Amino acid sequence: MAKRERDYASSSDSRSSDSSGPGAVGPGGFCPANAPTDCVVFFGDSDIKYWHISEDFPGAVNCGVAGATARDAALHVSDMVEKCRPKGFVVFISGENDIEGAHTPVEAIFEDFKKVIQAILASAHQPRVIYIGTKPEPSTQELHPFYKRYDMLCKDYSAQLAGTVPPGTSPPVVFIDAWKGFVDLGNTRNLYQEAGLHCTGE
């Protein structure tokens, strides 16, 4: 079973009932019904969906869909920025569900990543983006070289964008090296839920 399918199967997301297949984003897109606008937005896959946003970031909106891919995010980002009008910053996580094996087109996934970043930065409030990279998940070790390649492309692009603003100005995109964070903590099994894909509260 591909990672995306495992991710989707482990979800209790009620929105999955109106989707067209494993991991598919439903007709309503990423934004929940009656979502607040002009606020901080969390956007992406199940790592966003399962985050207790309301507890940690009151007033922010959770636009996470279990099983969603970077391709899904690229296709729906225009709808998201129109409906939610993100302000301040957008926390974005995506890409792991696109990576499925030796023939994974990492560069094509990266192009979808760039489309999402560009659409967010150009939206009404021109929010910054905080992008959280991939994790060294115990259940996907065969995919780790592709995760690292994708992270490198995203990190380099974030640095490139930082060079386009005046010195002393906050960078448009901040790359959070989640991989290093997990490794620094020992990447122990207790950091992940039973399937070895999603984070616990540790």
C-alpha atoms as a PDB file:
ATOM      1  CA  MET A   1       0.000   0.000   0.000  1.00  0.00           C
ATOM      2  CA  ALA A   2       1.358   3.424  -0.973  1.00  0.00           C
ATOM      3  CA  LYS A   3       2.041   5.960   1.738  1.00  0.00           C
ATOM      4  CA  ARG A   4      -0.766   8.205   0.531  1.00  0.00           C
ATOM      5  CA  GLU A   5      -3.262   5.341   0.823  1.00  0.00           C
ATOM      6  CA  ARG A   6      -2.009   4.415   4.310  1.00  0.00           C
ATOM      7  CA  ASP A   7      -2.267   8.051   5.329  1.00  0.00           C
ATOM      8  CA  TYR A   8      -5.796   8.309   4.005  1.00  0.00           C
ATOM      9  CA  ALA A   9      -6.891   4.990   5.504  1.00  0.00           C
ATOM     10  CA  SER A  10      -5.711   6.070   8.954  1.00  0.00           C
ATOM     11  CA  SER A  11      -7.806   9.217   8.835  1.00  0.00           C
ATOM     12  CA  SER A  12     -11.139   9.710  10.570  1.00  0.00           C
ATOM     13  CA  ASP A  13     -11.651  12.882   8.509  1.00  0.00           C
ATOM     14  CA  SER A  14     -15.367  13.267   7.864  1.00  0.00           C
ATOM     15  CA  ARG A  15     -14.632  15.123   4.646  1.00  0.00           C
ATOM     16  CA  SER A  16     -13.276  11.902   3.113  1.00  0.00           C
ATOM     17  CA  SER A  17     -16.860  10.828   2.404  1.00  0.00           C
ATOM     18  CA  ASP A  18     -17.200  13.306  -0.454  1.00  0.00           C
ATOM     19  CA  SER A  19     -13.836  12.596  -2.063  1.00  0.00           C
ATOM     20  CA  SER A  20     -13.244  10.683  -5.281  1.00  0.00           C
ATOM     21  CA  GLY A  21     -10.546   8.334  -4.049  1.00  0.00           C
ATOM     22  CA  PRO A  22      -7.740   7.744  -1.556  1.00  0.00           C
ATOM     23  CA  GLY A  23      -6.386  11.076  -0.447  1.00  0.00           C
ATOM     24  CA  ALA A  24      -8.508  13.071  -2.881  1.00  0.00           C
ATOM     25  CA  VAL A  25      -9.571  16.553  -1.836  1.00  0.00           C
ATOM     26  CA  GLY A  26     -13.340  16.885  -1.900  1.00  0.00           C
ATOM     27  CA  PRO A  27     -15.383  19.431  -3.862  1.00  0.00           C
ATOM     28  CA  GLY A  28     -15.150  21.900  -1.002  1.00  0.00           C
ATOM     29  CA  GLY A  29     -11.381  22.081  -1.311  1.00  0.00           C
ATOM     30  CA  PHE A  30      -9.094  22.412   1.691  1.00  0.00           C
ATOM     31  CA  CYS A  31     -11.026  25.092   3.576  1.00  0.00           C
ATOM     32  CA  PRO A  32     -13.584  23.873   6.111  1.00  0.00           C
ATOM     33  CA  ALA A  33     -17.106  25.230   5.860  1.00  0.00           C
ATOM     34  CA  ASN A  34     -17.563  28.638   7.487  1.00  0.00           C
ATOM     35  CA  ALA A  35     -13.825  29.003   8.008  1.00  0.00           C
ATOM     36  CA  PRO A  36     -12.685  32.325   9.480  1.00  0.00           C
ATOM     37  CA  THR A  37     -10.928  34.735   7.144  1.00  0.00           C
ATOM     38  CA  ASP A  38      -8.051  37.206   7.384  1.00  0.00           C
ATOM     39  CA  CYS A  39      -6.129  35.070   9.865  1.00  0.00           C
ATOM     40  CA  VAL A  40      -3.246  32.621  10.197  1.00  0.00           C
ATOM     41  CA  VAL A  41      -3.801  29.507   8.065  1.00  0.00           C
ATOM     42  CA  PHE A  42      -2.406  25.986   8.427  1.00  0.00           C
ATOM     43  CA  PHE A  43      -2.479  24.313   5.006  1.00  0.00           C
ATOM     44  CA  GLY A  44      -1.536  20.843   3.824  1.00  0.00           C
ATOM     45  CA  ASP A  45      -1.856  17.135   4.530  1.00  0.00           C
ATOM     46  CA  SER A  46      -2.613  15.021   7.599  1.00  0.00           C
ATOM     47  CA  ASP A  47       0.295  16.477   9.565  1.00  0.00           C
ATOM     48  CA  ILE A  48      -1.738  19.690   9.452  1.00  0.00           C
ATOM     49  CA  LYS A  49      -5.143  18.007   9.787  1.00  0.00           C
ATOM     50  CA  TYR A  50      -4.189  16.217  13.013  1.00  0.00           C
ATOM     51  CA  TRP A  51      -2.591  19.285  14.595  1.00  0.00           C
ATOM     52  CA  HIS A  52      -4.684  20.746  17.429  1.00  0.00           C
ATOM     53  CA  ILE A  53      -4.629  24.190  15.888  1.00  0.00           C
ATOM     54  CA  SER A  54      -7.439  25.644  17.974  1.00  0.00           C
ATOM     55  CA  GLU A  55      -5.555  24.829  21.179  1.00  0.00           C
ATOM     56  CA  ASP A  56      -2.110  25.977  20.096  1.00  0.00           C
ATOM     57  CA  PHE A  57      -3.055  28.873  17.805  1.00  0.00           C
ATOM     58  CA  PRO A  58      -6.460  30.314  18.753  1.00  0.00           C
ATOM     59  CA  GLY A  59      -8.077  32.148  15.865  1.00  0.00           C
ATOM     60  CA  ALA A  60      -6.138  30.276  13.167  1.00  0.00           C
ATOM     61  CA  VAL A  61      -7.861  28.032  10.628  1.00  0.00           C
ATOM     62  CA  ASN A  62      -6.934  24.408   9.913  1.00  0.00           C
ATOM     63  CA  CYS A  63      -7.001  23.708   6.167  1.00  0.00           C
ATOM     64  CA  GLY A  64      -5.520  20.227   6.373  1.00  0.00           C
ATOM     65  CA  VAL A  65      -6.794  17.179   4.472  1.00  0.00           C
ATOM     66  CA  ALA A  66      -5.565  13.670   5.236  1.00  0.00           C
ATOM     67  CA  GLY A  67      -3.869  12.114   2.225  1.00  0.00           C
ATOM     68  CA  ALA A  68      -3.551  15.399   0.338  1.00  0.00           C
ATOM     69  CA  THR A  69      -0.537  15.819  -1.929  1.00  0.00           C
ATOM     70  CA  ALA A  70       1.533  18.766  -3.065  1.00  0.00           C
ATOM     71  CA  ARG A  71      -0.285  18.391  -6.375  1.00  0.00           C
ATOM     72  CA  ASP A  72      -3.613  18.748  -4.567  1.00  0.00           C
ATOM     73  CA  ALA A  73      -2.288  21.822  -2.767  1.00  0.00           C
ATOM     74  CA  ALA A  74      -1.157  23.390  -6.055  1.00  0.00           C
ATOM     75  CA  LEU A  75      -4.550  22.749  -7.640  1.00  0.00           C
ATOM     76  CA  HIS A  76      -6.496  24.201  -4.710  1.00  0.00           C
ATOM     77  CA  VAL A  77      -4.264  26.964  -3.363  1.00  0.00           C
ATOM     78  CA  SER A  78      -6.037  29.691  -5.356  1.00  0.00           C
ATOM     79  CA  ASP A  79      -9.332  28.640  -3.816  1.00  0.00           C
ATOM     80  CA  MET A  80      -7.769  28.577  -0.355  1.00  0.00           C
ATOM     81  CA  VAL A  81      -6.303  32.076  -0.528  1.00  0.00           C
ATOM     82  CA  GLU A  82      -9.553  33.439  -1.957  1.00  0.00           C
ATOM     83  CA  LYS A  83     -11.749  31.881   0.719  1.00  0.00           C
ATOM     84  CA  CYS A  84      -9.493  32.220   3.768  1.00  0.00           C
ATOM     85  CA  ARG A  85      -7.482  35.334   2.867  1.00  0.00           C
ATOM     86  CA  PRO A  86      -4.492  34.221   4.987  1.00  0.00           C
ATOM     87  CA  LYS A  87      -2.889  36.965   7.021  1.00  0.00           C
ATOM     88  CA  GLY A  88       0.383  37.062   8.936  1.00  0.00           C
ATOM     89  CA  PHE A  89       1.689  33.671   7.936  1.00  0.00           C
ATOM     90  CA  VAL A  90       0.711  30.312   6.478  1.00  0.00           C
ATOM     91  CA  VAL A  91       2.119  27.082   7.925  1.00  0.00           C
ATOM     92  CA  PHE A  92       2.445  24.641   5.027  1.00  0.00           C
ATOM     93  CA  ILE A  93       3.227  20.908   5.041  1.00  0.00           C
ATOM     94  CA  SER A  94       3.048  18.805   1.894  1.00  0.00           C
ATOM     95  CA  GLY A  95       5.046  16.482  -0.333  1.00  0.00           C
ATOM     96  CA  GLU A  96       5.431  13.227   1.594  1.00  0.00           C
ATOM     97  CA  ASN A  97       2.233  11.791   0.108  1.00  0.00           C
ATOM     98  CA  ASP A  98       3.467  12.431  -3.437  1.00  0.00           C
ATOM     99  CA  ILE A  99       6.583  10.321  -2.928  1.00  0.00           C
ATOM    100  CA  GLU A 100       5.914   6.658  -3.621  1.00  0.00           C
ATOM    101  CA  GLY A 101       9.081   4.998  -4.891  1.00  0.00           C
ATOM    102  CA  ALA A 102      12.025   4.893  -7.267  1.00  0.00           C
ATOM    103  CA  HIS A 103      10.158   6.548 -10.123  1.00  0.00           C
ATOM    104  CA  THR A 104       8.876   9.445  -8.036  1.00  0.00           C
ATOM    105  CA  PRO A 105       9.354  12.709  -9.979  1.00  0.00           C
ATOM    106  CA  VAL A 106      10.752  14.737  -7.098  1.00  0.00           C
ATOM    107  CA  GLU A 107      11.415  17.761  -9.312  1.00  0.00           C
ATOM    108  CA  ALA A 108       7.788  17.772 -10.478  1.00  0.00           C
ATOM    109  CA  ILE A 109       6.600  17.683  -6.856  1.00  0.00           C
ATOM    110  CA  PHE A 110       8.911  20.596  -6.147  1.00  0.00           C
ATOM    111  CA  GLU A 111       7.293  22.553  -9.000  1.00  0.00           C
ATOM    112  CA  ASP A 112       3.932  22.089  -7.282  1.00  0.00           C
ATOM    113  CA  PHE A 113       5.521  23.281  -4.040  1.00  0.00           C
ATOM    114  CA  LYS A 114       6.702  26.451  -5.790  1.00  0.00           C
ATOM    115  CA  LYS A 115       3.236  27.088  -7.236  1.00  0.00           C
ATOM    116  CA  VAL A 116       1.762  26.961  -3.752  1.00  0.00           C
ATOM    117  CA  ILE A 117       4.401  29.269  -2.296  1.00  0.00           C
ATOM    118  CA  GLN A 118       4.027  31.801  -5.095  1.00  0.00           C
ATOM    119  CA  ALA A 119       0.236  31.869  -4.808  1.00  0.00           C
ATOM    120  CA  ILE A 120       0.350  32.413  -1.048  1.00  0.00           C
ATOM    121  CA  LEU A 121       2.986  35.155  -1.211  1.00  0.00           C
ATOM    122  CA  ALA A 122       1.004  36.971  -3.913  1.00  0.00           C
ATOM    123  CA  SER A 123      -2.355  36.753  -2.101  1.00  0.00           C
ATOM    124  CA  ALA A 124      -4.236  39.710  -0.629  1.00  0.00           C
ATOM    125  CA  HIS A 125      -2.299  40.114   2.650  1.00  0.00           C
ATOM    126  CA  GLN A 126       1.011  38.786   1.260  1.00  0.00           C
ATOM    127  CA  PRO A 127       1.586  36.496   4.259  1.00  0.00           C
ATOM    128  CA  ARG A 128       4.883  34.795   4.923  1.00  0.00           C
ATOM    129  CA  VAL A 129       5.115  31.018   4.642  1.00  0.00           C
ATOM    130  CA  ILE A 130       6.509  28.688   7.285  1.00  0.00           C
ATOM    131  CA  TYR A 131       7.216  25.412   5.519  1.00  0.00           C
ATOM    132  CA  ILE A 132       7.857  22.305   7.617  1.00  0.00           C
ATOM    133  CA  GLY A 133       9.938  19.680   5.840  1.00  0.00           C
ATOM    134  CA  THR A 134       9.660  15.908   5.766  1.00  0.00           C
ATOM    135  CA  LYS A 135      10.078  13.480   8.657  1.00  0.00           C
ATOM    136  CA  PRO A 136      12.312  10.371   8.904  1.00  0.00           C
ATOM    137  CA  GLU A 137       9.262   8.160   9.441  1.00  0.00           C
ATOM    138  CA  PRO A 138      10.005   4.590  10.597  1.00  0.00           C
ATOM    139  CA  SER A 139       7.440   3.161   8.161  1.00  0.00           C
ATOM    140  CA  THR A 140       8.836   4.792   5.007  1.00  0.00           C
ATOM    141  CA  GLN A 141      12.578   4.186   5.150  1.00  0.00           C
ATOM    142  CA  GLU A 142      12.713   3.196   1.474  1.00  0.00           C
ATOM    143  CA  LEU A 143      11.431   6.682   0.613  1.00  0.00           C
ATOM    144  CA  HIS A 144      13.904   8.618   2.756  1.00  0.00           C
ATOM    145  CA  PRO A 145      16.373   9.425  -0.084  1.00  0.00           C
ATOM    146  CA  PHE A 146      13.518  11.009  -2.016  1.00  0.00           C
ATOM    147  CA  TYR A 147      12.345  12.927   1.058  1.00  0.00           C
ATOM    148  CA  LYS A 148      15.849  14.326   1.490  1.00  0.00           C
ATOM    149  CA  ARG A 149      16.056  15.365  -2.163  1.00  0.00           C
ATOM    150  CA  TYR A 150      12.700  17.136  -1.914  1.00  0.00           C
ATOM    151  CA  ASP A 151      13.728  18.877   1.310  1.00  0.00           C
ATOM    152  CA  MET A 152      16.942  20.090  -0.296  1.00  0.00           C
ATOM    153  CA  LEU A 153      15.060  21.643  -3.216  1.00  0.00           C
ATOM    154  CA  CYS A 154      12.556  23.338  -0.900  1.00  0.00           C
ATOM    155  CA  LYS A 155      15.279  24.601   1.426  1.00  0.00           C
ATOM    156  CA  ASP A 156      17.336  26.024  -1.452  1.00  0.00           C
ATOM    157  CA  TYR A 157      14.282  27.754  -2.909  1.00  0.00           C
ATOM    158  CA  SER A 158      13.460  29.285   0.472  1.00  0.00           C
ATOM    159  CA  ALA A 159      17.011  30.621   0.691  1.00  0.00           C
ATOM    160  CA  GLN A 160      16.735  31.964  -2.843  1.00  0.00           C
ATOM    161  CA  LEU A 161      13.578  33.905  -1.956  1.00  0.00           C
ATOM    162  CA  ALA A 162      15.252  35.262   1.166  1.00  0.00           C
ATOM    163  CA  GLY A 163      17.827  36.848  -1.106  1.00  0.00           C
ATOM    164  CA  THR A 164      15.162  38.869  -2.902  1.00  0.00           C
ATOM    165  CA  VAL A 165      14.252  41.074   0.071  1.00  0.00           C
ATOM    166  CA  PRO A 166      16.276  43.926   1.622  1.00  0.00           C
ATOM    167  CA  PRO A 167      18.768  43.072   4.397  1.00  0.00           C
ATOM    168  CA  GLY A 168      17.104  42.955   7.789  1.00  0.00           C
ATOM    169  CA  THR A 169      13.733  42.078   6.278  1.00  0.00           C
ATOM    170  CA  SER A 170      12.001  38.883   7.338  1.00  0.00           C
ATOM    171  CA  PRO A 171      12.356  36.193   4.655  1.00  0.00           C
ATOM    172  CA  PRO A 172       9.190  35.389   2.675  1.00  0.00           C
ATOM    173  CA  VAL A 173       9.581  31.657   3.363  1.00  0.00           C
ATOM    174  CA  VAL A 174      11.064  29.983   6.434  1.00  0.00           C
ATOM    175  CA  PHE A 175      12.128  26.364   5.979  1.00  0.00           C
ATOM    176  CA  ILE A 176      11.824  24.309   9.168  1.00  0.00           C
ATOM    177  CA  ASP A 177      14.154  21.314   9.039  1.00  0.00           C
ATOM    178  CA  ALA A 178      11.884  18.766  10.724  1.00  0.00           C
ATOM    179  CA  TRP A 179      14.168  15.913   9.691  1.00  0.00           C
ATOM    180  CA  LYS A 180      17.051  17.311  11.734  1.00  0.00           C
ATOM    181  CA  GLY A 181      14.726  17.971  14.647  1.00  0.00           C
ATOM    182  CA  PHE A 182      13.582  14.353  14.778  1.00  0.00           C
ATOM    183  CA  VAL A 183      17.134  13.043  14.405  1.00  0.00           C
ATOM    184  CA  ASP A 184      18.342  15.344  17.194  1.00  0.00           C
ATOM    185  CA  LEU A 185      15.659  13.792  19.412  1.00  0.00           C
ATOM    186  CA  GLY A 186      16.871  10.308  18.489  1.00  0.00           C
ATOM    187  CA  ASN A 187      13.983   9.701  16.063  1.00  0.00           C
ATOM    188  CA  THR A 188      12.580   7.265  18.606  1.00  0.00           C
ATOM    189  CA  ARG A 189       9.434   5.258  17.937  1.00  0.00           C
ATOM    190  CA  ASN A 190       7.476   7.073  20.653  1.00  0.00           C
ATOM    191  CA  LEU A 191       7.553  10.218  18.504  1.00  0.00           C
ATOM    192  CA  TYR A 192       5.175   8.530  16.044  1.00  0.00           C
ATOM    193  CA  GLN A 193       1.727   7.028  16.230  1.00  0.00           C
ATOM    194  CA  GLU A 194       1.156   3.299  15.730  1.00  0.00           C
ATOM    195  CA  ALA A 195       1.419   3.330  11.913  1.00  0.00           C
ATOM    196  CA  GLY A 196       4.788   5.078  12.097  1.00  0.00           C
ATOM    197  CA  LEU A 197       3.667   7.992   9.939  1.00  0.00           C
ATOM    198  CA  HIS A 198       2.097  10.682  12.115  1.00  0.00           C
ATOM    199  CA  CYS A 199       3.490  12.480  15.131  1.00  0.00           C
ATOM    200  CA  THR A 200       2.392  11.914  18.691  1.00  0.00           C
ATOM    201  CA  GLY A 201       2.274  14.674  21.263  1.00  0.00           C
ATOM    202  CA  GLU A 202       5.726  13.765  22.588  1.00  0.00           C
END
